[in-house]
């Protein structure tokens, strides 16, 4: 196995397994925040605030993930990996 094949295998593993898993976790955090904010936090101010924080962190995580993932794919396409 050459170095280029090794790099391609590692990048493929990260791109097709790790990144979707991280996206899923960020989306689940967002959904948990929405659930806490609207359903559990309807009467409890503490849950309301906790849900709000989860929504913010989930959205922030998704934005950062999409940005980094896009930049990485641009770099990979530029170098032909």
PDB file of N, CA and C in Angstrom:
ATOM      1  N   UNK A   1       0.853  -1.182   0.000  1.00  0.00           N
ATOM      2  CA  UNK A   1       0.000   0.000   0.000  1.00  0.00           C
ATOM      3  C   UNK A   1       0.889   1.232   0.000  1.00  0.00           C
ATOM      4  N   UNK A   2       0.604   2.125  -0.925  1.00  0.00           N
ATOM      5  CA  UNK A   2       1.395   3.338  -1.017  1.00  0.00           C
ATOM      6  C   UNK A   2       0.865   4.384  -0.042  1.00  0.00           C
ATOM      7  N   UNK A   3       1.652   5.425   0.110  1.00  0.00           N
ATOM      8  CA  UNK A   3       1.261   6.497   1.020  1.00  0.00           C
ATOM      9  C   UNK A   3      -0.018   7.177   0.545  1.00  0.00           C
ATOM     10  N   UNK A   4      -0.152   7.373  -0.762  1.00  0.00           N
ATOM     11  CA  UNK A   4      -1.348   8.021  -1.305  1.00  0.00           C
ATOM     12  C   UNK A   4      -2.590   7.171  -1.050  1.00  0.00           C
ATOM     13  N   UNK A   5      -2.464   5.860  -1.172  1.00  0.00           N
ATOM     14  CA  UNK A   5      -3.599   4.979  -0.889  1.00  0.00           C
ATOM     15  C   UNK A   5      -3.968   5.028   0.592  1.00  0.00           C
ATOM     16  N   UNK A   6      -2.957   5.074   1.451  1.00  0.00           N
ATOM     17  CA  UNK A   6      -3.205   5.157   2.892  1.00  0.00           C
ATOM     18  C   UNK A   6      -3.941   6.452   3.237  1.00  0.00           C
ATOM     19  N   UNK A   7      -3.480   7.563   2.678  1.00  0.00           N
ATOM     20  CA  UNK A   7      -4.119   8.854   2.928  1.00  0.00           C
ATOM     21  C   UNK A   7      -5.546   8.837   2.400  1.00  0.00           C
ATOM     22  N   UNK A   8      -5.758   8.282   1.212  1.00  0.00           N
ATOM     23  CA  UNK A   8      -7.100   8.206   0.637  1.00  0.00           C
ATOM     24  C   UNK A   8      -8.022   7.357   1.502  1.00  0.00           C
ATOM     25  N   UNK A   9      -7.510   6.258   2.037  1.00  0.00           N
ATOM     26  CA  UNK A   9      -8.311   5.400   2.905  1.00  0.00           C
ATOM     27  C   UNK A   9      -8.685   6.121   4.192  1.00  0.00           C
ATOM     28  N   UNK A  10      -7.747   6.801   4.794  1.00  0.00           N
ATOM     29  CA  UNK A  10      -8.008   7.524   6.042  1.00  0.00           C
ATOM     30  C   UNK A  10      -8.990   8.666   5.803  1.00  0.00           C
ATOM     31  N   UNK A  11      -8.799   9.411   4.729  1.00  0.00           N
ATOM     32  CA  UNK A  11      -9.702  10.523   4.405  1.00  0.00           C
ATOM     33  C   UNK A  11     -11.102   9.989   4.117  1.00  0.00           C
ATOM     34  N   UNK A  12     -11.192   8.871   3.404  1.00  0.00           N
ATOM     35  CA  UNK A  12     -12.493   8.262   3.126  1.00  0.00           C
ATOM     36  C   UNK A  12     -13.188   7.826   4.398  1.00  0.00           C
ATOM     37  N   UNK A  13     -12.443   7.235   5.327  1.00  0.00           N
ATOM     38  CA  UNK A  13     -13.011   6.817   6.604  1.00  0.00           C
ATOM     39  C   UNK A  13     -13.540   8.015   7.381  1.00  0.00           C
ATOM     40  N   UNK A  14     -12.762   9.057   7.426  1.00  0.00           N
ATOM     41  CA  UNK A  14     -13.183  10.264   8.142  1.00  0.00           C
ATOM     42  C   UNK A  14     -14.385  10.892   7.447  1.00  0.00           C
ATOM     43  N   UNK A  15     -14.328  10.958   6.119  1.00  0.00           N
ATOM     44  CA  UNK A  15     -15.370  11.649   5.356  1.00  0.00           C
ATOM     45  C   UNK A  15     -16.696  10.896   5.350  1.00  0.00           C
ATOM     46  N   UNK A  16     -16.657   9.569   5.381  1.00  0.00           N
ATOM     47  CA  UNK A  16     -17.893   8.794   5.259  1.00  0.00           C
ATOM     48  C   UNK A  16     -18.373   8.161   6.553  1.00  0.00           C
ATOM     49  N   UNK A  17     -17.563   8.180   7.609  1.00  0.00           N
ATOM     50  CA  UNK A  17     -17.988   7.574   8.869  1.00  0.00           C
ATOM     51  C   UNK A  17     -17.977   8.596  10.007  1.00  0.00           C
ATOM     52  N   UNK A  18     -16.855   9.228  10.231  1.00  0.00           N
ATOM     53  CA  UNK A  18     -16.688  10.106  11.387  1.00  0.00           C
ATOM     54  C   UNK A  18     -17.508  11.390  11.235  1.00  0.00           C
ATOM     55  N   UNK A  19     -17.412  12.036  10.087  1.00  0.00           N
ATOM     56  CA  UNK A  19     -18.111  13.312   9.890  1.00  0.00           C
ATOM     57  C   UNK A  19     -19.628  13.152   9.994  1.00  0.00           C
ATOM     58  N   UNK A  20     -20.236  12.152   9.328  1.00  0.00           N
ATOM     59  CA  UNK A  20     -21.699  11.995   9.514  1.00  0.00           C
ATOM     60  C   UNK A  20     -22.086  11.690  10.954  1.00  0.00           C
ATOM     61  N   UNK A  21     -21.252  10.962  11.677  1.00  0.00           N
ATOM     62  CA  UNK A  21     -21.533  10.685  13.087  1.00  0.00           C
ATOM     63  C   UNK A  21     -21.531  11.977  13.907  1.00  0.00           C
ATOM     64  N   UNK A  22     -20.571  12.829  13.669  1.00  0.00           N
ATOM     65  CA  UNK A  22     -20.490  14.100  14.388  1.00  0.00           C
ATOM     66  C   UNK A  22     -21.663  15.004  14.015  1.00  0.00           C
ATOM     67  N   UNK A  23     -22.021  15.037  12.715  1.00  0.00           N
ATOM     68  CA  UNK A  23     -23.192  15.797  12.296  1.00  0.00           C
ATOM     69  C   UNK A  23     -24.448  15.287  12.993  1.00  0.00           C
ATOM     70  N   UNK A  24     -24.574  13.973  13.088  1.00  0.00           N
ATOM     71  CA  UNK A  24     -25.745  13.383  13.755  1.00  0.00           C
ATOM     72  C   UNK A  24     -25.809  13.787  15.216  1.00  0.00           C
ATOM     73  N   UNK A  25     -24.683  13.775  15.894  1.00  0.00           N
ATOM     74  CA  UNK A  25     -24.654  14.172  17.303  1.00  0.00           C
ATOM     75  C   UNK A  25     -25.028  15.643  17.486  1.00  0.00           C
ATOM     76  N   UNK A  26     -24.533  16.497  16.607  1.00  0.00           N
ATOM     77  CA  UNK A  26     -24.877  17.920  16.693  1.00  0.00           C
ATOM     78  C   UNK A  26     -26.367  18.127  16.419  1.00  0.00           C
ATOM     79  N   UNK A  27     -26.909  17.400  15.455  1.00  0.00           N
ATOM     80  CA  UNK A  27     -28.331  17.519  15.149  1.00  0.00           C
ATOM     81  C   UNK A  27     -29.181  16.990  16.302  1.00  0.00           C
ATOM     82  N   UNK A  28     -28.748  15.899  16.924  1.00  0.00           N
ATOM     83  CA  UNK A  28     -29.473  15.375  18.090  1.00  0.00           C
ATOM     84  C   UNK A  28     -29.442  16.359  19.258  1.00  0.00           C
ATOM     85  N   UNK A  29     -28.312  17.042  19.443  1.00  0.00           N
ATOM     86  CA  UNK A  29     -28.239  18.068  20.492  1.00  0.00           C
ATOM     87  C   UNK A  29     -29.228  19.188  20.198  1.00  0.00           C
ATOM     88  N   UNK A  30     -29.330  19.583  18.931  1.00  0.00           N
ATOM     89  CA  UNK A  30     -30.297  20.605  18.540  1.00  0.00           C
ATOM     90  C   UNK A  30     -31.726  20.135  18.818  1.00  0.00           C
ATOM     91  N   UNK A  31     -32.043  18.906  18.410  1.00  0.00           N
ATOM     92  CA  UNK A  31     -33.392  18.381  18.637  1.00  0.00           C
ATOM     93  C   UNK A  31     -33.711  18.248  20.121  1.00  0.00           C
ATOM     94  N   UNK A  32     -32.729  17.844  20.912  1.00  0.00           N
ATOM     95  CA  UNK A  32     -32.940  17.738  22.361  1.00  0.00           C
ATOM     96  C   UNK A  32     -33.234  19.116  22.950  1.00  0.00           C
ATOM     97  N   UNK A  33     -32.535  20.127  22.451  1.00  0.00           N
ATOM     98  CA  UNK A  33     -32.785  21.489  22.909  1.00  0.00           C
ATOM     99  C   UNK A  33     -34.179  21.960  22.544  1.00  0.00           C
ATOM    100  N   UNK A  34     -34.619  21.656  21.338  1.00  0.00           N
ATOM    101  CA  UNK A  34     -35.974  22.031  20.925  1.00  0.00           C
ATOM    102  C   UNK A  34     -36.996  21.318  21.804  1.00  0.00           C
ATOM    103  N   UNK A  35     -36.771  20.035  22.070  1.00  0.00           N
ATOM    104  CA  UNK A  35     -37.675  19.269  22.929  1.00  0.00           C
ATOM    105  C   UNK A  35     -37.728  19.865  24.338  1.00  0.00           C
ATOM    106  N   UNK A  36     -36.554  20.180  24.888  1.00  0.00           N
ATOM    107  CA  UNK A  36     -36.510  20.794  26.220  1.00  0.00           C
ATOM    108  C   UNK A  36     -37.169  22.170  26.238  1.00  0.00           C
ATOM    109  N   UNK A  37     -36.962  22.937  25.204  1.00  0.00           N
ATOM    110  CA  UNK A  37     -37.467  24.306  25.170  1.00  0.00           C
ATOM    111  C   UNK A  37     -38.989  24.339  25.057  1.00  0.00           C
ATOM    112  N   UNK A  38     -39.533  23.560  24.149  1.00  0.00           N
ATOM    113  CA  UNK A  38     -40.963  23.656  23.872  1.00  0.00           C
ATOM    114  C   UNK A  38     -41.822  22.690  24.678  1.00  0.00           C
ATOM    115  N   UNK A  39     -41.322  21.494  24.968  1.00  0.00           N
ATOM    116  CA  UNK A  39     -42.166  20.501  25.625  1.00  0.00           C
ATOM    117  C   UNK A  39     -41.870  20.427  27.118  1.00  0.00           C
ATOM    118  N   UNK A  40     -40.638  20.132  27.481  1.00  0.00           N
ATOM    119  CA  UNK A  40     -40.314  20.023  28.902  1.00  0.00           C
ATOM    120  C   UNK A  40     -40.239  21.388  29.581  1.00  0.00           C
ATOM    121  N   UNK A  41     -39.856  22.403  28.832  1.00  0.00           N
ATOM    122  CA  UNK A  41     -39.676  23.722  29.417  1.00  0.00           C
ATOM    123  C   UNK A  41     -40.890  24.602  29.340  1.00  0.00           C
ATOM    124  N   UNK A  42     -42.014  24.038  28.957  1.00  0.00           N
ATOM    125  CA  UNK A  42     -43.222  24.853  28.817  1.00  0.00           C
ATOM    126  C   UNK A  42     -43.609  25.505  30.139  1.00  0.00           C
ATOM    127  N   UNK A  43     -43.407  24.788  31.245  1.00  0.00           N
ATOM    128  CA  UNK A  43     -43.772  25.348  32.548  1.00  0.00           C
ATOM    129  C   UNK A  43     -42.562  25.553  33.454  1.00  0.00           C
ATOM    130  N   UNK A  44     -41.460  24.887  33.161  1.00  0.00           N
ATOM    131  CA  UNK A  44     -40.263  24.954  34.008  1.00  0.00           C
ATOM    132  C   UNK A  44     -39.231  25.882  33.366  1.00  0.00           C
ATOM    133  N   UNK A  45     -38.936  26.981  34.020  1.00  0.00           N
ATOM    134  CA  UNK A  45     -38.000  27.967  33.479  1.00  0.00           C
ATOM    135  C   UNK A  45     -36.584  27.399  33.356  1.00  0.00           C
ATOM    136  N   UNK A  46     -36.187  26.505  34.260  1.00  0.00           N
ATOM    137  CA  UNK A  46     -34.858  25.895  34.194  1.00  0.00           C
ATOM    138  C   UNK A  46     -34.697  25.045  32.948  1.00  0.00           C
ATOM    139  N   UNK A  47     -35.699  24.232  32.647  1.00  0.00           N
ATOM    140  CA  UNK A  47     -35.666  23.410  31.434  1.00  0.00           C
ATOM    141  C   UNK A  47     -35.740  24.286  30.186  1.00  0.00           C
ATOM    142  N   UNK A  48     -36.481  25.364  30.286  1.00  0.00           N
ATOM    143  CA  UNK A  48     -36.603  26.307  29.178  1.00  0.00           C
ATOM    144  C   UNK A  48     -35.217  26.867  28.820  1.00  0.00           C
ATOM    145  N   UNK A  49     -34.483  27.289  29.820  1.00  0.00           N
ATOM    146  CA  UNK A  49     -33.143  27.848  29.603  1.00  0.00           C
ATOM    147  C   UNK A  49     -32.170  26.766  29.127  1.00  0.00           C
ATOM    148  N   UNK A  50     -32.266  25.568  29.701  1.00  0.00           N
ATOM    149  CA  UNK A  50     -31.398  24.459  29.270  1.00  0.00           C
ATOM    150  C   UNK A  50     -31.659  24.122  27.800  1.00  0.00           C
ATOM    151  N   UNK A  51     -32.922  24.099  27.407  1.00  0.00           N
ATOM    152  CA  UNK A  51     -33.271  23.835  26.018  1.00  0.00           C
ATOM    153  C   UNK A  51     -32.736  24.900  25.085  1.00  0.00           C
ATOM    154  N   UNK A  52     -32.819  26.137  25.523  1.00  0.00           N
ATOM    155  CA  UNK A  52     -32.306  27.251  24.719  1.00  0.00           C
ATOM    156  C   UNK A  52     -30.809  27.110  24.489  1.00  0.00           C
ATOM    157  N   UNK A  53     -30.082  26.735  25.521  1.00  0.00           N
ATOM    158  CA  UNK A  53     -28.640  26.548  25.393  1.00  0.00           C
ATOM    159  C   UNK A  53     -28.316  25.402  24.426  1.00  0.00           C
ATOM    160  N   UNK A  54     -29.056  24.296  24.521  1.00  0.00           N
ATOM    161  CA  UNK A  54     -28.825  23.175  23.616  1.00  0.00           C
ATOM    162  C   UNK A  54     -29.102  23.567  22.164  1.00  0.00           C
ATOM    163  N   UNK A  55     -30.151  24.354  21.939  1.00  0.00           N
ATOM    164  CA  UNK A  55     -30.461  24.810  20.586  1.00  0.00           C
ATOM    165  C   UNK A  55     -29.320  25.665  20.048  1.00  0.00           C
ATOM    166  N   UNK A  56     -28.840  26.583  20.850  1.00  0.00           N
ATOM    167  CA  UNK A  56     -27.743  27.462  20.422  1.00  0.00           C
ATOM    168  C   UNK A  56     -26.483  26.659  20.144  1.00  0.00           C
ATOM    169  N   UNK A  57     -26.107  25.765  21.069  1.00  0.00           N
ATOM    170  CA  UNK A  57     -24.901  24.965  20.869  1.00  0.00           C
ATOM    171  C   UNK A  57     -25.042  24.007  19.693  1.00  0.00           C
ATOM    172  N   UNK A  58     -26.225  23.441  19.511  1.00  0.00           N
ATOM    173  CA  UNK A  58     -26.446  22.546  18.379  1.00  0.00           C
ATOM    174  C   UNK A  58     -26.322  23.272  17.059  1.00  0.00           C
ATOM    175  N   UNK A  59     -26.943  24.447  16.961  1.00  0.00           N
ATOM    176  CA  UNK A  59     -26.844  25.229  15.728  1.00  0.00           C
ATOM    177  C   UNK A  59     -25.425  25.716  15.482  1.00  0.00           C
ATOM    178  N   UNK A  60     -24.759  26.169  16.520  1.00  0.00           N
ATOM    179  CA  UNK A  60     -23.379  26.613  16.385  1.00  0.00           C
ATOM    180  C   UNK A  60     -22.485  25.456  15.933  1.00  0.00           C
ATOM    181  N   UNK A  61     -22.696  24.292  16.521  1.00  0.00           N
ATOM    182  CA  UNK A  61     -21.927  23.112  16.117  1.00  0.00           C
ATOM    183  C   UNK A  61     -22.167  22.748  14.669  1.00  0.00           C
ATOM    184  N   UNK A  62     -23.418  22.801  14.223  1.00  0.00           N
ATOM    185  CA  UNK A  62     -23.723  22.480  12.824  1.00  0.00           C
ATOM    186  C   UNK A  62     -23.085  23.482  11.865  1.00  0.00           C
ATOM    187  N   UNK A  63     -23.116  24.750  12.212  1.00  0.00           N
ATOM    188  CA  UNK A  63     -22.506  25.773  11.356  1.00  0.00           C
ATOM    189  C   UNK A  63     -21.001  25.561  11.255  1.00  0.00           C
ATOM    190  N   UNK A  64     -20.361  25.315  12.377  1.00  0.00           N
ATOM    191  CA  UNK A  64     -18.912  25.084  12.376  1.00  0.00           C
ATOM    192  C   UNK A  64     -18.580  23.814  11.589  1.00  0.00           C
ATOM    193  N   UNK A  65     -19.350  22.758  11.811  1.00  0.00           N
ATOM    194  CA  UNK A  65     -19.104  21.507  11.096  1.00  0.00           C
ATOM    195  C   UNK A  65     -19.262  21.668   9.594  1.00  0.00           C
ATOM    196  N   UNK A  66     -20.330  22.332   9.158  1.00  0.00           N
ATOM    197  CA  UNK A  66     -20.521  22.542   7.718  1.00  0.00           C
ATOM    198  C   UNK A  66     -19.387  23.378   7.135  1.00  0.00           C
ATOM    199  N   UNK A  67     -18.936  24.376   7.853  1.00  0.00           N
ATOM    200  CA  UNK A  67     -17.852  25.234   7.370  1.00  0.00           C
ATOM    201  C   UNK A  67     -16.557  24.460   7.230  1.00  0.00           C
ATOM    202  N   UNK A  68     -16.195  23.739   8.263  1.00  0.00           N
ATOM    203  CA  UNK A  68     -14.937  22.985   8.234  1.00  0.00           C
ATOM    204  C   UNK A  68     -15.010  21.875   7.191  1.00  0.00           C
ATOM    205  N   UNK A  69     -16.139  21.179   7.121  1.00  0.00           N
ATOM    206  CA  UNK A  69     -16.293  20.103   6.153  1.00  0.00           C
ATOM    207  C   UNK A  69     -16.175  20.638   4.732  1.00  0.00           C
ATOM    208  N   UNK A  70     -16.763  21.791   4.469  1.00  0.00           N
ATOM    209  CA  UNK A  70     -16.657  22.403   3.150  1.00  0.00           C
ATOM    210  C   UNK A  70     -15.235  22.797   2.813  1.00  0.00           C
ATOM    211  N   UNK A  71     -14.546  23.395   3.769  1.00  0.00           N
ATOM    212  CA  UNK A  71     -13.151  23.786   3.533  1.00  0.00           C
ATOM    213  C   UNK A  71     -12.261  22.572   3.281  1.00  0.00           C
ATOM    214  N   UNK A  72     -12.459  21.520   4.045  1.00  0.00           N
ATOM    215  CA  UNK A  72     -11.664  20.305   3.855  1.00  0.00           C
ATOM    216  C   UNK A  72     -11.916  19.717   2.476  1.00  0.00           C
ATOM    217  N   UNK A  73     -13.158  19.674   2.045  1.00  0.00           N
ATOM    218  CA  UNK A  73     -13.461  19.131   0.726  1.00  0.00           C
ATOM    219  C   UNK A  73     -12.908  20.000  -0.398  1.00  0.00           C
ATOM    220  N   UNK A  74     -12.877  21.320  -0.210  1.00  0.00           N
ATOM    221  CA  UNK A  74     -12.261  22.192  -1.185  1.00  0.00           C
ATOM    222  C   UNK A  74     -10.758  21.910  -1.285  1.00  0.00           C
ATOM    223  N   UNK A  75     -10.114  21.767  -0.150  1.00  0.00           N
ATOM    224  CA  UNK A  75      -8.672  21.472  -0.137  1.00  0.00           C
ATOM    225  C   UNK A  75      -8.402  20.111  -0.795  1.00  0.00           C
ATOM    226  N   UNK A  76      -9.219  19.111  -0.457  1.00  0.00           N
ATOM    227  CA  UNK A  76      -9.030  17.788  -1.048  1.00  0.00           C
ATOM    228  C   UNK A  76      -9.237  17.819  -2.550  1.00  0.00           C
ATOM    229  N   UNK A  77     -10.238  18.540  -3.022  1.00  0.00           N
ATOM    230  CA  UNK A  77     -10.488  18.634  -4.448  1.00  0.00           C
ATOM    231  C   UNK A  77      -9.363  19.416  -5.151  1.00  0.00           C
ATOM    232  N   UNK A  78      -8.798  20.392  -4.469  1.00  0.00           N
ATOM    233  CA  UNK A  78      -7.718  21.176  -5.057  1.00  0.00           C
ATOM    234  C   UNK A  78      -6.481  20.328  -5.281  1.00  0.00           C
ATOM    235  N   UNK A  79      -6.156  19.475  -4.307  1.00  0.00           N
ATOM    236  CA  UNK A  79      -4.975  18.632  -4.425  1.00  0.00           C
ATOM    237  C   UNK A  79      -5.257  17.283  -5.065  1.00  0.00           C
ATOM    238  N   UNK A  80      -6.504  17.011  -5.409  1.00  0.00           N
ATOM    239  CA  UNK A  80      -6.860  15.782  -6.105  1.00  0.00           C
ATOM    240  C   UNK A  80      -6.794  14.530  -5.258  1.00  0.00           C
ATOM    241  N   UNK A  81      -7.033  14.669  -3.990  1.00  0.00           N
ATOM    242  CA  UNK A  81      -6.984  13.494  -3.082  1.00  0.00           C
ATOM    243  C   UNK A  81      -8.341  12.845  -3.068  1.00  0.00           C
TER     244      UNK A  81
END
